[in-house]
N, C-alpha and C. Protein backbone atom coordinates (compact mmCIF):
# COMPACT_ATOMS: atom_id res chain seq x y z
N MET A 1 0.85 -1.19 0.01
CA MET A 1 0.02 -0.03 0.03
C MET A 1 0.91 1.24 0.01
N ASN A 2 0.55 2.17 -0.85
CA ASN A 2 1.33 3.41 -0.97
C ASN A 2 1.05 4.34 0.17
N GLN A 3 2.12 4.97 0.72
CA GLN A 3 1.93 5.91 1.81
C GLN A 3 1.84 7.30 1.23
N LEU A 4 0.85 8.08 1.71
CA LEU A 4 0.62 9.40 1.22
C LEU A 4 1.26 10.45 2.11
N MET A 5 1.76 11.50 1.45
CA MET A 5 2.30 12.65 2.19
C MET A 5 1.19 13.47 2.74
N ASN A 6 1.43 14.18 3.82
CA ASN A 6 0.50 15.15 4.28
C ASN A 6 0.44 16.26 3.24
N HIS A 7 -0.75 16.85 3.08
CA HIS A 7 -0.85 18.05 2.22
C HIS A 7 -1.98 18.91 2.75
N SER A 8 -1.70 20.16 2.79
CA SER A 8 -2.64 21.19 3.28
C SER A 8 -3.00 22.05 2.06
N PRO A 9 -3.87 23.06 2.24
CA PRO A 9 -4.12 23.97 1.13
C PRO A 9 -2.81 24.61 0.60
N HIS A 10 -1.83 24.69 1.46
CA HIS A 10 -0.49 25.28 1.08
C HIS A 10 0.20 24.43 0.03
N SER A 11 0.02 23.09 0.08
CA SER A 11 0.76 22.20 -0.83
C SER A 11 -0.12 21.39 -1.78
N THR A 12 -1.42 21.64 -1.76
CA THR A 12 -2.34 20.92 -2.66
C THR A 12 -2.25 21.49 -4.07
N ILE A 13 -2.16 20.64 -5.04
CA ILE A 13 -2.11 21.03 -6.46
C ILE A 13 -3.47 21.59 -6.86
N LYS A 14 -3.47 22.83 -7.40
CA LYS A 14 -4.72 23.45 -7.78
C LYS A 14 -4.88 23.45 -9.31
N ARG A 15 -3.80 23.68 -10.06
CA ARG A 15 -3.87 23.70 -11.53
C ARG A 15 -3.58 22.29 -12.03
N ALA A 16 -4.48 21.78 -12.87
CA ALA A 16 -4.45 20.39 -13.37
C ALA A 16 -4.33 19.39 -12.24
N PRO A 17 -5.25 19.38 -11.31
CA PRO A 17 -5.16 18.48 -10.15
C PRO A 17 -5.18 16.99 -10.49
N LYS A 18 -5.66 16.65 -11.70
CA LYS A 18 -5.67 15.21 -12.10
C LYS A 18 -4.23 14.70 -12.29
N ARG A 19 -3.26 15.60 -12.43
CA ARG A 19 -1.86 15.19 -12.58
C ARG A 19 -1.17 15.07 -11.25
N ALA A 20 -1.84 15.41 -10.18
CA ALA A 20 -1.25 15.43 -8.84
C ALA A 20 -1.24 14.06 -8.21
N SER A 21 -0.29 13.85 -7.32
CA SER A 21 -0.22 12.67 -6.44
C SER A 21 0.43 13.11 -5.15
N TYR A 22 0.08 12.39 -4.12
CA TYR A 22 0.69 12.67 -2.80
C TYR A 22 1.37 11.41 -2.27
N ASP A 23 1.76 10.55 -3.23
CA ASP A 23 2.41 9.29 -2.97
C ASP A 23 3.90 9.52 -2.67
N ILE A 24 4.35 9.21 -1.47
CA ILE A 24 5.72 9.40 -1.09
C ILE A 24 6.69 8.59 -1.94
N GLN A 25 6.23 7.42 -2.38
CA GLN A 25 7.12 6.57 -3.21
C GLN A 25 7.44 7.16 -4.54
N LYS A 26 6.53 7.91 -5.12
CA LYS A 26 6.79 8.61 -6.40
C LYS A 26 7.83 9.72 -6.17
N VAL A 27 7.78 10.37 -5.02
CA VAL A 27 8.72 11.41 -4.71
C VAL A 27 10.11 10.83 -4.51
N THR A 28 10.24 9.77 -3.72
CA THR A 28 11.59 9.22 -3.43
C THR A 28 12.16 8.60 -4.68
N GLN A 29 11.34 8.02 -5.57
CA GLN A 29 11.84 7.49 -6.84
C GLN A 29 12.40 8.63 -7.70
N LEU A 30 11.63 9.71 -7.78
CA LEU A 30 12.09 10.88 -8.55
C LEU A 30 13.42 11.41 -7.98
N VAL A 31 13.49 11.59 -6.68
CA VAL A 31 14.69 12.12 -6.07
C VAL A 31 15.90 11.22 -6.35
N ASN A 32 15.74 9.93 -6.25
CA ASN A 32 16.86 9.03 -6.47
C ASN A 32 17.25 8.88 -7.93
N GLU A 33 16.36 9.19 -8.81
CA GLU A 33 16.71 9.17 -10.26
C GLU A 33 17.34 10.48 -10.67
N VAL A 34 16.89 11.61 -10.18
CA VAL A 34 17.38 12.92 -10.57
C VAL A 34 18.66 13.28 -9.78
N LYS A 35 18.61 13.08 -8.44
CA LYS A 35 19.72 13.33 -7.53
C LYS A 35 20.13 14.82 -7.49
N LEU A 36 19.24 15.69 -7.93
CA LEU A 36 19.48 17.10 -7.82
C LEU A 36 18.23 17.82 -7.35
N GLY A 37 18.34 18.51 -6.25
CA GLY A 37 17.19 19.26 -5.76
C GLY A 37 17.54 20.71 -5.59
N HIS A 38 16.54 21.55 -5.49
CA HIS A 38 16.73 22.99 -5.20
C HIS A 38 16.08 23.24 -3.86
N LEU A 39 16.90 23.77 -2.96
CA LEU A 39 16.47 24.06 -1.58
C LEU A 39 16.20 25.54 -1.48
N GLY A 40 14.99 25.90 -1.09
CA GLY A 40 14.61 27.30 -0.92
C GLY A 40 14.37 27.65 0.55
N PHE A 41 14.89 28.79 0.92
CA PHE A 41 14.76 29.27 2.30
C PHE A 41 14.93 30.77 2.33
N ILE A 42 14.62 31.37 3.47
CA ILE A 42 14.79 32.82 3.65
C ILE A 42 16.02 33.04 4.48
N SER A 43 16.87 33.93 3.99
CA SER A 43 18.12 34.29 4.73
C SER A 43 18.23 35.82 4.71
N ASP A 44 18.33 36.43 5.86
CA ASP A 44 18.41 37.89 5.98
C ASP A 44 17.25 38.55 5.23
N ASN A 45 16.05 38.00 5.42
CA ASN A 45 14.82 38.53 4.81
C ASN A 45 14.82 38.49 3.30
N ARG A 46 15.68 37.61 2.71
CA ARG A 46 15.70 37.52 1.25
C ARG A 46 15.51 36.03 0.88
N PRO A 47 14.82 35.72 -0.21
CA PRO A 47 14.71 34.33 -0.67
C PRO A 47 16.01 33.85 -1.29
N VAL A 48 16.39 32.61 -0.99
CA VAL A 48 17.61 32.01 -1.48
C VAL A 48 17.21 30.59 -2.01
N ILE A 49 17.75 30.22 -3.15
CA ILE A 49 17.57 28.86 -3.66
C ILE A 49 18.92 28.29 -4.01
N ILE A 50 19.23 27.11 -3.50
CA ILE A 50 20.51 26.44 -3.73
C ILE A 50 20.32 25.09 -4.38
N PRO A 51 20.97 24.87 -5.55
CA PRO A 51 20.93 23.54 -6.10
C PRO A 51 21.86 22.64 -5.34
N ILE A 52 21.44 21.39 -5.08
CA ILE A 52 22.28 20.51 -4.21
C ILE A 52 22.00 19.06 -4.55
N THR A 53 23.00 18.22 -4.36
CA THR A 53 22.81 16.77 -4.47
C THR A 53 21.88 16.31 -3.37
N LEU A 54 20.87 15.56 -3.76
CA LEU A 54 19.84 15.17 -2.84
C LEU A 54 19.52 13.71 -3.09
N TRP A 55 19.27 12.94 -2.05
CA TRP A 55 18.87 11.55 -2.20
C TRP A 55 17.92 11.14 -1.13
N ALA A 56 17.21 10.02 -1.37
CA ALA A 56 16.23 9.53 -0.45
C ALA A 56 16.61 8.17 0.05
N VAL A 57 16.39 7.97 1.38
CA VAL A 57 16.57 6.67 2.05
C VAL A 57 15.25 6.49 2.85
N ASP A 58 14.56 5.43 2.53
CA ASP A 58 13.25 5.17 3.07
C ASP A 58 12.38 6.40 2.75
N GLN A 59 11.85 7.10 3.74
CA GLN A 59 10.98 8.24 3.44
C GLN A 59 11.60 9.52 3.87
N HIS A 60 12.91 9.56 4.00
CA HIS A 60 13.64 10.82 4.36
C HIS A 60 14.53 11.23 3.19
N LEU A 61 14.83 12.50 3.13
CA LEU A 61 15.72 13.04 2.13
C LEU A 61 17.02 13.42 2.85
N TYR A 62 18.15 13.32 2.10
CA TYR A 62 19.44 13.64 2.65
C TYR A 62 20.22 14.55 1.72
N PHE A 63 21.01 15.40 2.28
CA PHE A 63 22.02 16.19 1.55
C PHE A 63 23.16 16.51 2.52
N HIS A 64 24.29 16.93 1.97
CA HIS A 64 25.35 17.23 2.87
C HIS A 64 25.93 18.65 2.51
N VAL A 65 26.37 19.32 3.49
CA VAL A 65 26.99 20.63 3.38
C VAL A 65 28.22 20.71 4.30
N ALA A 66 28.99 21.74 4.15
CA ALA A 66 30.12 21.96 5.09
C ALA A 66 29.55 22.17 6.47
N ASN A 67 30.22 21.60 7.47
CA ASN A 67 29.84 21.76 8.88
C ASN A 67 29.74 23.25 9.23
N LYS A 68 28.73 23.63 9.94
CA LYS A 68 28.46 24.99 10.40
C LYS A 68 28.00 25.94 9.27
N SER A 69 27.49 25.36 8.20
CA SER A 69 26.93 26.18 7.10
C SER A 69 25.62 26.87 7.58
N ARG A 70 25.22 27.88 6.88
CA ARG A 70 23.99 28.57 7.29
C ARG A 70 22.77 27.71 7.13
N LEU A 71 22.77 26.82 6.11
CA LEU A 71 21.63 25.91 5.91
C LEU A 71 21.54 24.88 7.07
N GLN A 72 22.66 24.38 7.49
CA GLN A 72 22.69 23.45 8.62
C GLN A 72 22.13 24.17 9.86
N LYS A 73 22.68 25.38 10.14
CA LYS A 73 22.23 26.13 11.33
C LYS A 73 20.71 26.43 11.26
N MET A 74 20.24 26.79 10.10
CA MET A 74 18.84 27.11 9.93
C MET A 74 17.95 25.89 10.25
N LEU A 75 18.34 24.70 9.74
CA LEU A 75 17.58 23.49 10.01
C LEU A 75 17.67 23.12 11.47
N GLU A 76 18.85 23.23 12.08
CA GLU A 76 19.03 22.86 13.48
C GLU A 76 18.25 23.81 14.41
N GLN A 77 17.89 24.97 13.94
CA GLN A 77 17.04 25.89 14.73
C GLN A 77 15.53 25.61 14.54
N GLY A 78 15.23 24.62 13.73
CA GLY A 78 13.84 24.20 13.53
C GLY A 78 13.14 24.82 12.39
N ASN A 79 13.84 25.59 11.53
CA ASN A 79 13.21 26.28 10.43
C ASN A 79 12.86 25.28 9.31
N GLU A 80 11.80 25.61 8.59
CA GLU A 80 11.36 24.80 7.49
C GLU A 80 11.97 25.29 6.18
N ILE A 81 12.28 24.40 5.29
CA ILE A 81 12.78 24.75 3.94
C ILE A 81 11.84 24.15 2.92
N CYS A 82 11.93 24.67 1.71
CA CYS A 82 11.14 24.13 0.60
C CYS A 82 12.11 23.43 -0.35
N VAL A 83 11.81 22.19 -0.77
CA VAL A 83 12.64 21.42 -1.66
C VAL A 83 11.87 21.18 -2.94
N SER A 84 12.51 21.46 -4.06
CA SER A 84 11.92 21.24 -5.37
C SER A 84 12.80 20.30 -6.19
N VAL A 85 12.16 19.33 -6.81
CA VAL A 85 12.89 18.39 -7.68
C VAL A 85 12.04 18.22 -8.94
N ALA A 86 12.66 18.31 -10.11
CA ALA A 86 11.93 18.16 -11.38
C ALA A 86 12.76 17.52 -12.44
N GLN A 87 12.09 16.83 -13.36
CA GLN A 87 12.74 16.22 -14.49
C GLN A 87 11.83 16.40 -15.70
N THR A 88 12.36 16.92 -16.77
CA THR A 88 11.65 17.02 -18.03
C THR A 88 12.19 15.98 -18.99
N ASP A 89 11.33 15.06 -19.43
CA ASP A 89 11.78 13.99 -20.33
C ASP A 89 11.55 14.32 -21.81
N GLU A 90 10.43 15.00 -22.06
CA GLU A 90 10.05 15.19 -23.48
C GLU A 90 9.42 16.58 -23.67
N TRP A 91 9.64 17.15 -24.87
CA TRP A 91 8.92 18.32 -25.27
C TRP A 91 7.70 17.90 -26.04
N VAL A 92 6.59 18.52 -25.80
CA VAL A 92 5.35 18.22 -26.49
C VAL A 92 5.14 19.33 -27.52
N MET A 93 5.20 18.98 -28.78
CA MET A 93 5.11 19.92 -29.87
C MET A 93 3.69 19.89 -30.43
N ALA A 94 3.01 21.02 -30.45
CA ALA A 94 1.65 21.13 -30.88
C ALA A 94 1.54 21.91 -32.19
N LYS A 95 0.35 21.94 -32.76
CA LYS A 95 0.11 22.65 -33.97
C LYS A 95 -0.12 24.15 -33.70
N SER A 96 -0.30 24.50 -32.44
CA SER A 96 -0.44 25.95 -32.08
C SER A 96 0.64 26.24 -31.04
N ALA A 97 1.11 27.48 -31.03
CA ALA A 97 2.09 27.88 -30.05
C ALA A 97 1.59 27.69 -28.61
N TYR A 98 0.30 27.96 -28.42
CA TYR A 98 -0.28 27.91 -27.08
C TYR A 98 -0.22 26.54 -26.46
N HIS A 99 -0.39 25.50 -27.26
CA HIS A 99 -0.50 24.15 -26.70
C HIS A 99 0.83 23.38 -26.60
N HIS A 100 1.96 24.02 -26.90
CA HIS A 100 3.24 23.38 -26.67
C HIS A 100 3.38 23.19 -25.17
N SER A 101 4.05 22.05 -24.77
CA SER A 101 4.16 21.73 -23.36
C SER A 101 5.39 20.86 -23.13
N ALA A 102 5.43 20.29 -21.98
CA ALA A 102 6.55 19.32 -21.68
C ALA A 102 5.95 18.20 -20.86
N ASN A 103 6.54 17.00 -21.03
CA ASN A 103 6.19 15.88 -20.18
C ASN A 103 7.25 15.86 -19.05
N TYR A 104 6.79 15.77 -17.80
CA TYR A 104 7.68 15.99 -16.65
C TYR A 104 7.20 15.22 -15.47
N ARG A 105 8.08 15.18 -14.46
CA ARG A 105 7.75 14.75 -13.10
C ARG A 105 8.30 15.80 -12.18
N SER A 106 7.59 16.18 -11.15
CA SER A 106 8.07 17.17 -10.24
C SER A 106 7.54 16.98 -8.85
N ALA A 107 8.24 17.54 -7.86
CA ALA A 107 7.76 17.48 -6.47
C ALA A 107 8.16 18.78 -5.81
N VAL A 108 7.24 19.28 -4.96
CA VAL A 108 7.53 20.45 -4.10
C VAL A 108 7.22 19.94 -2.70
N LEU A 109 8.24 20.07 -1.84
CA LEU A 109 8.15 19.49 -0.46
C LEU A 109 8.53 20.54 0.58
N PHE A 110 7.87 20.49 1.68
CA PHE A 110 8.17 21.35 2.79
C PHE A 110 8.75 20.48 3.90
N CYS A 111 10.01 20.75 4.29
CA CYS A 111 10.73 19.87 5.17
C CYS A 111 11.40 20.58 6.33
N THR A 112 11.58 19.82 7.40
CA THR A 112 12.47 20.24 8.51
C THR A 112 13.54 19.17 8.59
N GLY A 113 14.61 19.49 9.30
CA GLY A 113 15.75 18.52 9.27
C GLY A 113 16.61 18.57 10.52
N THR A 114 17.43 17.54 10.63
CA THR A 114 18.39 17.41 11.69
C THR A 114 19.73 16.89 11.12
N ARG A 115 20.77 17.12 11.85
CA ARG A 115 22.09 16.64 11.44
C ARG A 115 22.24 15.16 11.87
N VAL A 116 22.78 14.36 11.02
CA VAL A 116 23.08 12.93 11.34
C VAL A 116 24.42 12.90 12.03
N ILE A 117 24.45 12.44 13.27
CA ILE A 117 25.66 12.44 14.07
C ILE A 117 26.24 11.02 14.16
N ASN A 118 25.36 10.04 14.32
CA ASN A 118 25.72 8.67 14.52
C ASN A 118 26.52 8.10 13.31
N ASP A 119 27.72 7.52 13.53
CA ASP A 119 28.56 7.04 12.42
C ASP A 119 27.84 5.98 11.58
N VAL A 120 27.09 5.08 12.22
CA VAL A 120 26.42 4.03 11.50
C VAL A 120 25.37 4.62 10.55
N ASP A 121 24.55 5.54 11.05
CA ASP A 121 23.57 6.23 10.21
C ASP A 121 24.19 7.06 9.13
N PHE A 122 25.30 7.71 9.44
CA PHE A 122 26.06 8.53 8.46
C PHE A 122 26.53 7.68 7.32
N ASP A 123 27.16 6.53 7.66
CA ASP A 123 27.65 5.61 6.64
C ASP A 123 26.54 5.01 5.82
N HIS A 124 25.43 4.65 6.47
CA HIS A 124 24.30 4.03 5.74
C HIS A 124 23.74 5.01 4.71
N ALA A 125 23.58 6.28 5.06
CA ALA A 125 23.08 7.27 4.12
C ALA A 125 23.98 7.47 2.93
N PHE A 126 25.30 7.57 3.18
CA PHE A 126 26.23 7.80 2.11
C PHE A 126 26.36 6.54 1.25
N LYS A 127 26.30 5.37 1.88
CA LYS A 127 26.33 4.12 1.13
C LYS A 127 25.15 4.07 0.14
N GLU A 128 24.01 4.53 0.49
CA GLU A 128 22.83 4.53 -0.35
C GLU A 128 23.06 5.37 -1.61
N ILE A 129 23.56 6.58 -1.47
CA ILE A 129 23.76 7.44 -2.64
C ILE A 129 24.89 6.93 -3.52
N ILE A 130 25.98 6.47 -2.92
CA ILE A 130 27.10 6.01 -3.72
C ILE A 130 26.75 4.75 -4.47
N ASN A 131 26.07 3.80 -3.81
CA ASN A 131 25.66 2.59 -4.49
C ASN A 131 24.49 2.83 -5.47
N ASN A 132 23.75 3.90 -5.30
CA ASN A 132 22.70 4.25 -6.26
C ASN A 132 23.34 4.70 -7.56
N ILE A 133 24.51 5.39 -7.48
CA ILE A 133 25.22 5.87 -8.66
C ILE A 133 25.90 4.71 -9.34
N GLU A 134 26.56 3.83 -8.57
CA GLU A 134 27.24 2.64 -9.10
C GLU A 134 27.09 1.52 -8.11
N PRO A 135 26.36 0.47 -8.47
CA PRO A 135 26.14 -0.69 -7.54
C PRO A 135 27.42 -1.18 -6.90
N ASP A 136 27.39 -1.43 -5.62
CA ASP A 136 28.50 -2.00 -4.83
C ASP A 136 29.76 -1.13 -4.73
N ARG A 137 29.67 0.09 -5.09
CA ARG A 137 30.85 0.94 -5.08
C ARG A 137 31.31 1.24 -3.62
N TRP A 138 30.35 1.37 -2.70
CA TRP A 138 30.71 1.65 -1.30
C TRP A 138 31.70 0.63 -0.77
N GLU A 139 31.54 -0.61 -1.14
CA GLU A 139 32.40 -1.70 -0.62
C GLU A 139 33.83 -1.57 -1.16
N LYS A 140 34.04 -0.81 -2.25
CA LYS A 140 35.35 -0.68 -2.87
C LYS A 140 36.14 0.53 -2.47
N VAL A 141 35.41 1.57 -1.99
CA VAL A 141 36.07 2.83 -1.66
C VAL A 141 36.42 2.98 -0.19
N ARG A 142 37.29 3.90 0.15
CA ARG A 142 37.65 4.15 1.51
C ARG A 142 36.49 4.83 2.22
N ALA A 143 36.18 4.39 3.42
CA ALA A 143 35.15 5.07 4.21
C ALA A 143 35.56 6.45 4.66
N PRO A 144 34.65 7.35 4.97
CA PRO A 144 35.04 8.67 5.42
C PRO A 144 35.92 8.61 6.67
N SER A 145 36.93 9.50 6.67
CA SER A 145 37.82 9.56 7.85
C SER A 145 37.15 10.36 8.97
N LYS A 146 37.74 10.32 10.14
CA LYS A 146 37.26 11.10 11.26
C LYS A 146 37.18 12.59 10.93
N GLN A 147 38.22 13.08 10.27
CA GLN A 147 38.30 14.48 9.88
C GLN A 147 37.18 14.82 8.85
N GLU A 148 36.96 13.93 7.90
CA GLU A 148 35.95 14.17 6.88
C GLU A 148 34.55 14.17 7.51
N ARG A 149 34.36 13.29 8.46
CA ARG A 149 33.03 13.25 9.15
C ARG A 149 32.83 14.55 9.94
N LYS A 150 33.87 15.04 10.55
CA LYS A 150 33.81 16.24 11.37
C LYS A 150 33.50 17.50 10.48
N GLY A 151 34.05 17.50 9.28
CA GLY A 151 33.85 18.62 8.38
C GLY A 151 32.58 18.60 7.56
N THR A 152 31.86 17.48 7.60
CA THR A 152 30.65 17.31 6.81
C THR A 152 29.41 17.29 7.71
N ALA A 153 28.46 18.08 7.37
CA ALA A 153 27.17 18.01 8.00
C ALA A 153 26.19 17.29 7.09
N LEU A 154 25.88 16.07 7.46
CA LEU A 154 24.92 15.28 6.72
C LEU A 154 23.53 15.58 7.33
N MET A 155 22.64 16.14 6.51
CA MET A 155 21.36 16.58 6.98
C MET A 155 20.25 15.60 6.53
N LYS A 156 19.43 15.25 7.44
CA LYS A 156 18.29 14.34 7.20
C LYS A 156 17.02 15.13 7.26
N LEU A 157 16.28 15.13 6.15
CA LEU A 157 15.07 15.92 6.04
C LEU A 157 13.85 15.04 6.24
N THR A 158 12.91 15.56 7.05
CA THR A 158 11.59 14.96 7.19
C THR A 158 10.60 15.76 6.32
N ILE A 159 9.85 15.04 5.50
CA ILE A 159 8.89 15.72 4.65
C ILE A 159 7.63 15.98 5.51
N ASN A 160 7.36 17.22 5.76
CA ASN A 160 6.18 17.57 6.54
C ASN A 160 4.91 17.59 5.72
N GLU A 161 5.06 18.05 4.48
CA GLU A 161 3.94 18.03 3.53
C GLU A 161 4.51 18.25 2.15
N GLY A 162 3.74 17.95 1.12
CA GLY A 162 4.19 18.17 -0.22
C GLY A 162 3.30 17.59 -1.26
N SER A 163 3.72 17.69 -2.53
CA SER A 163 2.94 17.16 -3.61
C SER A 163 3.88 16.72 -4.74
N PHE A 164 3.36 15.82 -5.59
CA PHE A 164 4.05 15.31 -6.78
C PHE A 164 3.13 15.60 -7.93
N LYS A 165 3.71 15.96 -9.08
CA LYS A 165 2.91 16.24 -10.25
C LYS A 165 3.64 15.72 -11.48
N ALA A 166 2.89 15.18 -12.43
CA ALA A 166 3.50 14.67 -13.64
C ALA A 166 2.60 14.87 -14.83
N ARG A 167 3.19 15.02 -16.00
CA ARG A 167 2.45 15.06 -17.27
C ARG A 167 3.07 14.07 -18.19
N THR A 168 2.21 13.31 -18.91
CA THR A 168 2.63 12.39 -19.93
C THR A 168 1.71 12.57 -21.14
N GLY A 169 2.12 12.05 -22.30
CA GLY A 169 1.24 12.06 -23.48
C GLY A 169 1.59 13.13 -24.46
N GLY A 170 0.77 13.20 -25.50
CA GLY A 170 1.02 14.12 -26.59
C GLY A 170 0.30 15.42 -26.50
N ALA A 171 0.26 16.13 -27.62
CA ALA A 171 -0.32 17.46 -27.64
C ALA A 171 -1.84 17.43 -27.54
N THR A 172 -2.41 18.49 -27.03
CA THR A 172 -3.85 18.60 -26.98
C THR A 172 -4.25 19.67 -28.03
N ASP A 173 -4.11 19.28 -29.30
CA ASP A 173 -4.42 20.22 -30.38
C ASP A 173 -5.90 20.49 -30.50
N GLU A 174 -6.21 21.72 -30.86
CA GLU A 174 -7.61 22.11 -31.13
C GLU A 174 -8.12 21.47 -32.43
N LYS A 175 -9.37 21.14 -32.47
CA LYS A 175 -9.96 20.53 -33.64
C LYS A 175 -9.71 21.31 -34.90
N GLU A 176 -9.81 22.64 -34.80
CA GLU A 176 -9.66 23.52 -35.98
C GLU A 176 -8.20 23.63 -36.42
N ASP A 177 -7.24 23.15 -35.59
CA ASP A 177 -5.83 23.22 -35.97
C ASP A 177 -5.34 21.91 -36.63
N MET A 178 -6.15 20.87 -36.62
CA MET A 178 -5.68 19.56 -37.07
C MET A 178 -5.23 19.55 -38.52
N ASP A 179 -5.77 20.40 -39.39
CA ASP A 179 -5.40 20.40 -40.80
C ASP A 179 -4.20 21.31 -41.09
N LEU A 180 -3.65 21.97 -40.06
CA LEU A 180 -2.46 22.83 -40.30
C LEU A 180 -1.31 21.96 -40.74
N PRO A 181 -0.54 22.47 -41.76
CA PRO A 181 0.59 21.65 -42.31
C PRO A 181 1.82 21.71 -41.40
N VAL A 182 1.69 21.37 -40.12
CA VAL A 182 2.82 21.34 -39.24
C VAL A 182 2.72 20.07 -38.36
N TRP A 183 3.86 19.46 -38.13
CA TRP A 183 3.86 18.24 -37.34
C TRP A 183 3.61 18.53 -35.88
N SER A 184 2.91 17.59 -35.22
CA SER A 184 2.75 17.70 -33.79
C SER A 184 3.07 16.32 -33.20
N GLY A 185 3.65 16.30 -32.01
CA GLY A 185 4.04 15.03 -31.36
C GLY A 185 4.98 15.31 -30.26
N VAL A 186 5.75 14.29 -29.88
CA VAL A 186 6.64 14.35 -28.70
C VAL A 186 8.10 14.12 -29.16
N ILE A 187 8.99 14.94 -28.68
CA ILE A 187 10.42 14.74 -28.95
C ILE A 187 11.17 14.71 -27.62
N SER A 188 12.33 14.04 -27.62
CA SER A 188 13.13 13.91 -26.41
C SER A 188 13.66 15.29 -25.96
N ALA A 189 13.58 15.53 -24.65
CA ALA A 189 14.13 16.78 -24.09
C ALA A 189 15.63 16.65 -23.86
N CYS A 190 16.14 15.45 -23.96
CA CYS A 190 17.58 15.21 -23.72
C CYS A 190 18.31 15.27 -25.03
N PRO A 191 19.28 16.21 -25.21
CA PRO A 191 19.98 16.36 -26.48
C PRO A 191 20.79 15.15 -26.83
N PHE A 192 21.09 14.27 -25.87
CA PHE A 192 21.89 13.09 -26.18
C PHE A 192 21.07 11.94 -26.69
N HIS A 193 19.73 12.08 -26.71
CA HIS A 193 18.86 11.00 -27.17
C HIS A 193 18.07 11.38 -28.42
N LYS A 194 18.66 12.19 -29.29
CA LYS A 194 17.95 12.61 -30.53
C LYS A 194 17.89 11.41 -31.50
């Protein structure tokens, strides 16, 4: 059975709600496939967004920063951050400029976090991301040294609420545009897969 994320009016999808999901498994799968998130927070009364390597273990998200960073301090003070993860797989080409779109998966999450101090938990989290990139690599590399552990703040995020949204399929061309002499369909958004 799929576990659902909490969602309030703050995180409920309002535009195209049929594309929405609150399934935590869809979020963690997206995070572990993309491995790049954008963390949003307020610093000195100004919005800040930082791109960062992000991964999921069970139903928590992890990232690491230098020890004593502002993001670490902010989370340790109990502040909430916003995490965004998105992947665009295909461009949707329509017969009208208006109906061009993209096929995508995305998540917007509101999280609080703590620093991972325990060495066993620290190693387990890093083992997950390293082995996700290349199976069994953790067993071949040197484990983090005492100094490296001291200099790294591994942060564990709890998802307080959030949403997942995805689009698939082709163009939604208007009936009156169907005879226009222009191709419509789906092309890869990745330049390496032309």
